[in-house]
Protein backbone atom coordinates (compact mmCIF):
# COMPACT_ATOMS: atom_id res chain seq x y z
CA MET A 1 45.23 18.34 -7.53
CA TRP A 2 44.78 19.46 -3.92
CA LYS A 3 47.05 16.67 -2.68
CA ASN A 4 49.96 18.35 -4.45
CA THR A 5 48.88 21.96 -3.88
CA ARG A 6 48.72 21.59 -0.11
CA GLN A 7 52.40 20.62 -0.03
CA GLN A 8 53.50 24.06 -1.23
CA ALA A 9 55.80 26.08 1.05
CA ILE A 10 53.09 28.69 1.65
CA PHE A 11 51.27 26.16 3.85
CA ILE A 12 52.09 24.89 7.31
CA ASP A 13 50.55 22.40 9.76
CA PHE A 14 48.01 24.27 11.86
CA GLU A 15 49.68 23.37 15.16
CA LYS A 16 52.95 24.96 13.97
CA LEU A 17 51.30 28.38 14.16
CA GLY A 18 51.49 27.98 17.94
CA VAL A 19 47.73 27.79 18.37
CA LYS A 20 46.04 26.09 21.31
CA ILE A 21 43.30 23.69 20.25
CA HIS A 22 40.57 22.62 22.67
CA SER A 23 38.34 20.04 21.00
CA LYS A 24 34.79 18.93 21.67
CA ASN A 25 36.12 15.66 23.05
CA GLU A 26 37.65 17.32 26.12
CA PRO A 27 35.10 16.71 28.91
CA GLU A 28 33.42 19.43 30.91
CA ARG A 29 34.82 19.88 34.41
CA GLY A 30 33.54 20.89 37.84
CA LYS A 31 30.10 19.32 37.23
CA GLY A 32 29.19 22.26 34.98
CA SER A 33 27.18 21.81 31.79
CA PHE A 34 26.82 23.96 28.69
CA ILE A 35 23.43 22.37 28.04
CA LYS A 36 22.06 23.22 31.48
CA MET A 37 23.90 26.49 32.11
CA THR A 38 23.66 28.32 28.77
CA LEU A 39 21.23 31.20 28.38
CA ASN A 40 20.39 30.84 24.70
CA ALA A 41 19.81 33.82 22.46
CA MET A 42 16.17 34.88 22.07
CA ASP A 43 15.99 33.64 18.47
CA ARG A 44 17.48 30.20 19.26
CA SER A 45 14.29 28.53 20.47
CA TYR A 46 14.98 25.73 17.98
CA ILE A 47 17.60 24.44 20.45
CA LYS A 48 15.26 22.03 22.23
CA THR A 49 17.90 20.32 24.37
CA ASP A 50 18.61 23.43 26.45
CA PRO A 51 16.19 24.60 29.13
CA TRP A 52 17.02 28.32 29.32
CA LYS A 53 16.75 31.19 26.89
CA ILE A 54 17.13 34.93 27.32
CA ASN A 55 13.88 36.78 27.91
CA LYS A 56 15.30 40.24 28.59
CA ILE A 57 18.73 41.80 29.02
CA THR A 58 19.96 45.03 30.66
CA LYS A 59 23.37 46.48 31.46
CA THR A 60 23.54 44.63 34.80
CA TYR A 61 21.42 41.49 34.59
CA ILE A 62 19.98 38.86 32.27
CA GLU A 63 16.40 37.71 32.67
CA ALA A 64 16.22 34.05 31.66
CA ILE A 65 13.08 31.98 31.11
CA HIS A 66 12.82 28.21 31.42
CA GLN A 67 11.40 26.92 28.12
CA LYS A 68 9.18 24.27 29.76
CA THR A 69 8.15 25.66 33.16
CA ASN A 70 8.21 29.38 32.19
CA LEU A 71 10.08 30.16 35.42
CA ILE A 72 11.82 33.53 35.10
CA LEU A 73 15.06 34.27 36.96
CA LYS A 74 17.28 37.33 37.04
CA ILE A 75 20.97 36.53 36.75
CA PRO A 76 23.68 39.18 37.29
CA LYS A 77 25.66 39.71 34.12
CA ILE A 78 28.89 39.62 36.10
CA ASN A 79 28.22 35.92 36.82
CA THR A 80 28.09 35.04 33.11
CA ARG A 81 30.33 35.19 30.07
CA LEU A 82 29.66 35.18 26.35
CA THR A 83 29.25 31.77 24.76
CA PHE A 84 28.23 30.13 21.48
CA ARG A 85 26.03 27.11 21.94
CA LEU A 86 25.44 25.41 18.55
CA VAL A 87 26.67 25.91 14.99
CA THR A 88 23.44 24.99 13.20
CA TYR A 89 21.49 27.73 11.43
CA ILE A 90 24.16 30.36 12.15
CA THR A 91 24.81 31.85 8.73
CA LYS A 92 27.46 34.53 9.36
CA MET A 93 31.20 34.12 9.88
CA ASP A 94 31.25 36.89 12.49
CA VAL A 95 29.15 36.15 15.58
CA THR A 96 30.37 39.13 17.60
CA ASN A 97 26.79 40.39 17.98
CA LEU A 98 25.36 37.04 19.12
CA VAL A 99 23.87 37.62 22.57
CA GLU A 100 24.32 34.26 24.28
CA TYR A 101 25.72 33.62 27.76
CA VAL A 102 26.81 30.79 30.04
CA ILE A 103 26.81 30.85 33.84
CA GLN A 104 30.41 31.11 35.06
CA SER A 105 30.09 31.76 38.82
CA ASN A 106 27.72 31.48 41.76
CA PHE A 107 24.91 33.99 42.36
CA ASP A 108 22.20 34.50 44.97
CA ASN A 109 19.42 32.41 43.43
CA PHE A 110 21.65 29.88 41.70
CA GLN A 111 20.22 27.04 43.80
CA GLN A 112 16.77 27.70 42.36
CA PHE A 113 18.32 27.79 38.89
CA ALA A 114 20.15 24.50 39.59
CA ASN A 115 17.11 22.71 41.01
CA GLU A 116 15.13 23.56 37.90
CA VAL A 117 17.58 21.72 35.64
CA GLY A 118 18.89 18.99 37.95
CA LEU A 119 22.37 20.37 38.60
CA SER A 120 24.30 19.13 41.62
CA SER A 121 26.92 21.17 43.46
CA ILE A 122 29.30 22.94 41.07
CA ARG A 123 33.05 23.11 41.57
CA TRP A 124 33.26 26.71 40.44
CA ASP A 125 37.06 26.83 40.28
CA LEU A 126 37.18 23.83 37.93
CA TRP A 127 34.26 25.06 35.87
CA GLN A 128 35.82 28.51 35.41
CA ASN A 129 39.15 26.97 34.43
CA TYR A 130 37.34 24.88 31.85
CA LEU A 131 35.55 27.93 30.45
CA ASP A 132 38.87 29.79 30.34
CA SER A 133 40.35 27.00 28.22
CA ARG A 134 37.50 27.34 25.70
CA THR A 135 37.49 31.14 25.56
CA SER A 136 38.93 32.60 22.35
CA ASN A 137 38.14 34.59 19.20
CA LEU A 138 38.12 31.65 16.76
CA PHE A 139 36.00 28.51 16.54
CA LEU A 140 36.40 25.61 14.09
CA VAL A 141 33.57 23.19 13.37
CA GLU A 142 34.70 19.62 14.09
CA ARG A 143 31.61 17.72 12.97
CA ILE A 144 29.40 18.82 10.12
CA ASP A 145 26.94 17.55 7.54
CA ILE A 146 27.90 19.46 4.41
CA THR A 147 24.71 18.33 2.65
CA ALA A 148 22.23 19.50 5.31
CA PRO A 149 20.27 22.78 5.46
CA GLY A 150 21.52 23.74 8.93
CA TYR A 151 25.21 24.05 8.05
CA SER A 152 26.59 27.10 6.23
CA ILE A 153 29.87 28.01 7.96
CA PHE A 154 33.00 26.03 8.82
CA SER A 155 34.61 28.54 11.19
CA PHE A 156 33.34 31.44 13.31
CA PHE A 157 34.95 34.60 14.68
CA SER A 158 34.03 36.80 17.64
CA GLU A 159 35.69 40.18 18.29
CA GLU A 160 35.08 39.75 22.00
CA PRO A 161 36.39 36.38 23.22
CA ARG A 162 33.68 33.90 24.16
CA ALA A 163 33.58 30.47 25.76
CA TRP A 164 32.69 28.33 22.75
CA SER A 165 30.55 25.41 23.87
CA ARG A 166 31.62 21.81 23.67
CA VAL A 167 30.36 21.15 20.15
CA SER A 168 33.54 21.95 18.20
CA ALA A 169 37.08 23.28 18.61
CA SER A 170 38.07 26.51 20.34
CA ILE A 171 41.27 27.94 18.84
CA SER A 172 43.28 30.33 21.02
CA ASN A 173 46.69 32.03 21.15
CA LEU A 174 45.97 34.16 18.08
CA ASN A 175 45.71 37.91 17.66
CA ILE A 176 42.54 39.41 16.19
CA GLN A 177 44.05 39.92 12.74
CA ASP A 178 45.30 36.34 12.42
CA ALA A 179 42.02 34.93 13.77
CA LYS A 180 40.13 36.77 11.02
CA ILE A 181 42.49 35.51 8.32
CA LEU A 182 42.16 31.91 9.51
CA CYS A 183 38.38 32.20 9.73
CA LEU A 184 38.40 33.43 6.14
CA TRP A 185 40.70 30.55 5.13
CA PHE A 186 38.59 27.81 6.74
CA ASN A 187 35.50 29.22 5.00
CA SER A 188 37.25 29.44 1.63
CA SER A 189 36.76 26.69 -0.91
CA PHE A 190 40.41 25.73 -0.40
CA GLY A 191 39.87 25.40 3.34
CA ILE A 192 36.84 23.23 2.62
CA LEU A 193 38.97 21.11 0.27
CA GLU A 194 41.46 20.56 3.08
CA TYR A 195 38.60 19.63 5.41
CA LEU A 196 37.36 17.05 2.88
CA PHE A 197 40.89 15.76 2.30
CA GLN A 198 41.61 15.19 6.00
CA ARG A 199 38.20 14.23 7.36
CA ASP A 200 37.17 11.09 9.17
CA GLU A 201 34.47 9.71 6.92
CA ASP A 202 31.07 9.11 8.46
CA ARG A 203 27.82 8.30 6.72
CA GLY A 204 27.16 10.35 3.60
CA GLY A 205 27.69 14.06 4.15
CA TRP A 206 28.58 13.69 7.82
CA MET A 207 32.25 14.21 8.52
CA GLN A 208 34.40 15.12 11.47
CA LEU A 209 37.90 16.15 12.44
CA GLN A 210 39.61 14.65 15.47
CA LYS A 211 42.04 16.86 17.40
CA TYR A 212 45.08 15.08 15.97
CA ILE A 213 43.76 15.83 12.47
CA ILE A 214 43.06 19.50 13.27
CA LYS A 215 46.70 19.86 14.33
CA LYS A 216 47.80 18.67 10.88
CA LEU A 217 45.40 20.73 8.78
CA LYS A 218 47.27 22.74 6.18
CA VAL A 219 46.78 26.48 6.65
CA PRO A 220 48.57 29.52 5.24
CA ASN A 221 51.81 30.29 7.06
CA ILE A 222 50.59 33.63 8.36
CA SER A 223 54.02 34.66 9.60
CA LYS A 224 55.27 34.55 6.00
CA LEU A 225 52.50 36.69 4.51
CA TYR A 226 53.37 40.21 3.44
CA ALA A 227 51.86 42.92 5.67
CA ASN A 228 49.77 44.38 2.83
CA ASP A 229 48.47 40.89 1.93
CA LYS A 230 47.40 40.34 5.53
CA GLU A 231 45.65 43.72 5.54
CA ASN A 232 43.80 42.85 2.34
CA LEU A 233 42.71 39.47 3.72
CA VAL A 234 41.48 41.10 6.92
CA GLN A 235 39.62 43.71 4.87
CA THR A 236 38.00 40.93 2.82
CA PHE A 237 36.87 39.28 6.05
CA ASN A 238 35.50 42.58 7.39
CA ASP A 239 33.64 43.22 4.13
CA LEU A 240 31.99 39.79 4.20
CA SER A 241 31.71 39.12 7.92
CA SER A 242 28.02 40.04 8.12
CA GLU A 243 26.97 38.36 4.89
CA GLN A 244 24.37 35.61 5.20
CA PHE A 245 25.66 32.33 3.79
CA PRO A 246 23.12 29.79 2.50
CA PRO A 247 23.68 26.07 3.19
CA ILE A 248 26.98 24.74 1.86
CA LEU A 249 25.43 22.70 -0.95
CA VAL A 250 23.39 25.71 -2.09
CA GLN A 251 26.52 27.90 -2.16
CA PHE A 252 28.16 25.64 -4.72
CA VAL A 253 25.02 25.10 -6.77
CA ARG A 254 24.72 28.87 -7.12
CA SER A 255 28.43 29.26 -7.90
CA CYS A 256 28.79 26.50 -10.49
CA PRO A 257 28.34 27.60 -14.14
CA MET A 258 25.48 25.96 -16.00
CA ASN A 259 27.79 24.89 -18.83
CA LYS A 260 29.66 22.60 -16.42
CA ILE A 261 26.55 20.79 -15.19
CA THR A 262 26.50 17.30 -16.68
CA ASP A 263 23.36 15.20 -17.03
CA GLU A 264 24.54 13.10 -14.07
CA ILE A 265 24.94 16.16 -11.84
CA MET A 266 21.61 17.61 -12.95
CA ASP A 267 19.87 14.35 -12.04
CA LEU A 268 21.46 14.39 -8.58
CA ILE A 269 20.35 17.99 -8.05
CA LYS A 270 16.79 17.30 -9.18
CA ASN A 271 16.41 14.01 -7.30
CA GLN A 272 17.54 15.23 -3.88
CA LYS A 273 14.61 16.07 -1.57
CA THR A 274 16.24 18.40 0.98
CA PHE A 275 16.19 21.54 -1.16
CA PRO A 276 13.10 21.56 -3.43
CA GLY A 277 13.64 23.45 -6.69
CA LEU A 278 17.42 23.54 -6.22
CA GLU A 279 17.93 23.21 -9.98
CA ASP A 280 16.51 26.75 -10.34
CA GLU A 281 19.46 28.11 -8.34
CA ILE A 282 22.18 26.75 -10.61
CA ASP A 283 24.57 29.52 -11.68
CA ILE A 284 22.56 32.38 -10.15
CA GLY A 285 25.76 33.34 -8.33
CA PHE A 286 26.80 33.75 -4.72
CA GLU A 287 29.23 36.65 -4.67
CA PRO A 288 30.64 36.22 -1.12
CA ARG A 289 31.91 32.73 -2.05
CA ARG A 290 33.72 34.09 -5.10
CA LYS A 291 35.12 37.10 -3.20
CA ILE A 292 36.61 34.90 -0.46
CA ASP A 293 38.22 32.54 -2.96
CA SER A 294 39.51 35.35 -5.19
CA ALA A 295 41.16 36.95 -2.15
CA VAL A 296 42.83 33.64 -1.29
CA MET A 297 44.03 33.25 -4.89
CA LYS A 298 45.45 36.76 -4.94
CA TYR A 299 46.93 37.24 -1.47
CA ILE A 300 47.89 33.68 -0.45
CA PHE A 301 48.60 31.89 -3.74
CA HIS A 302 49.85 35.16 -5.29
CA LYS A 303 48.26 34.41 -8.64
CA ASN A 304 48.20 37.62 -10.66
CA SER A 305 45.09 37.86 -12.75
CA LYS A 306 42.23 40.25 -13.33
CA SER A 307 39.87 37.30 -12.96
CA TYR A 308 40.13 33.86 -11.40
CA ASP A 309 36.82 32.72 -12.86
CA ASN A 310 38.13 29.79 -14.93
CA GLU A 311 40.03 28.21 -12.04
CA LEU A 312 37.27 28.89 -9.54
CA ASN A 313 34.55 27.56 -11.84
CA GLU A 314 36.44 24.27 -12.13
CA LEU A 315 36.88 24.19 -8.36
CA TYR A 316 33.17 24.87 -7.73
CA PHE A 317 32.12 22.09 -10.10
CA ASN A 318 34.44 19.58 -8.43
CA LEU A 319 33.26 20.51 -4.94
CA LEU A 320 29.61 20.44 -6.01
CA ARG A 321 30.07 17.00 -7.54
CA GLU A 322 31.74 15.66 -4.38
CA ILE A 323 29.02 17.03 -2.10
CA LEU A 324 26.24 15.65 -4.29
CA PHE A 325 27.88 12.22 -4.38
CA LEU A 326 28.11 12.26 -0.59
CA LYS A 327 24.47 13.28 -0.32
CA ASN A 328 23.40 10.55 -2.73
CA MET A 329 25.09 7.98 -0.47
CA MET A 330 22.56 8.83 2.26
CA THR A 331 19.50 8.15 0.12
C-alpha cells in the first residue's frame, strides 16, 4: 500500500525541498570531539562515554564536573553553544529546553580541560566551521532500534538552533514553521512507514539511513500546502511538542485495537522480554500518536472525515506486526 501512496503528487524527494543534510558519517574536523567537549545535561548521567556533565549554570558561565575525577571547571558561556548529544531516552519531539552545550572556542583554562580528557591542540577555525555545518533547528535520527526501550522519537526540533552531535543528521536551510511540520511528519506513522520502506536493514530492529537515502525520503511538498493547512500542522506540533512519547513498540501496542490482535501477535507480545507485562497495554490508547496521524490525514492527504479511526487502526496493526517480527528476529 505505502509503495503506491508515496508516489502521489503531494510528496517530493526530501532533497528537493532545498534542505542541507549533514549526516553522522561526515567526520569531525579541527581535532575537536563531541564526546570529549560536550557538557552533558545534569540528568544525562547515563551517557557513560562522555567525561563532562553540567554541575551548575548561570547567565555567564557553566560549571562542569568530570564524571570520574570530580574536577570542577568554570567555562564561560560565550565559549559554548547549544548541542544535543544522544537520541536515547529523549522522549519529546521538542528539545528546545534541553540544557546541553559543546565547547566551541578557546578559554582561559581550556588546557586544563583538554589535559583531563586527552585532547591535543584544537584547530578552532575548523572546529567552529564544523559546528556551524551541524547547527540547525531540525534533527533526523539516522540509526535506530525501533524495538528497544531507549528509542521513542524519529526527529527532534529546537526553537533555538543547536549543533546536533555526530550521531544522526542535522537538517538546515528551513524556516521554523517548515522545520516543525517536517518534525511532525517524520514522527507520524506515515513518516515511520517511509523510514521502514527506505531503510538499510541491519539485525532485527536495528535500521539506518545513509545520506543518499535521506535525500530520497518522500516528504510532503511543503511549498504546495495551503497556508491554513500549514498553520494547523504547526499548531498540532505545538500542542504535542512537550508530550512524553513511550518507546516506539509501546506506542503501537497501546494504539492497536484489541480486536485486531491475532493469536500470533499476542504470542509475540507475551514472549518478548524487553517490556514485561506489555500485553496489559494493548489498546489502552496513546492519544498523541493518533492526533499526529489524524492531522497528517486531514491536512496533507486531505481526507475529509470526522474520524480516521478505521484507516489508522489498520495502519497501527500493520506497523505493530512489522516491529514485532523484527524484534522476534533478534531472539
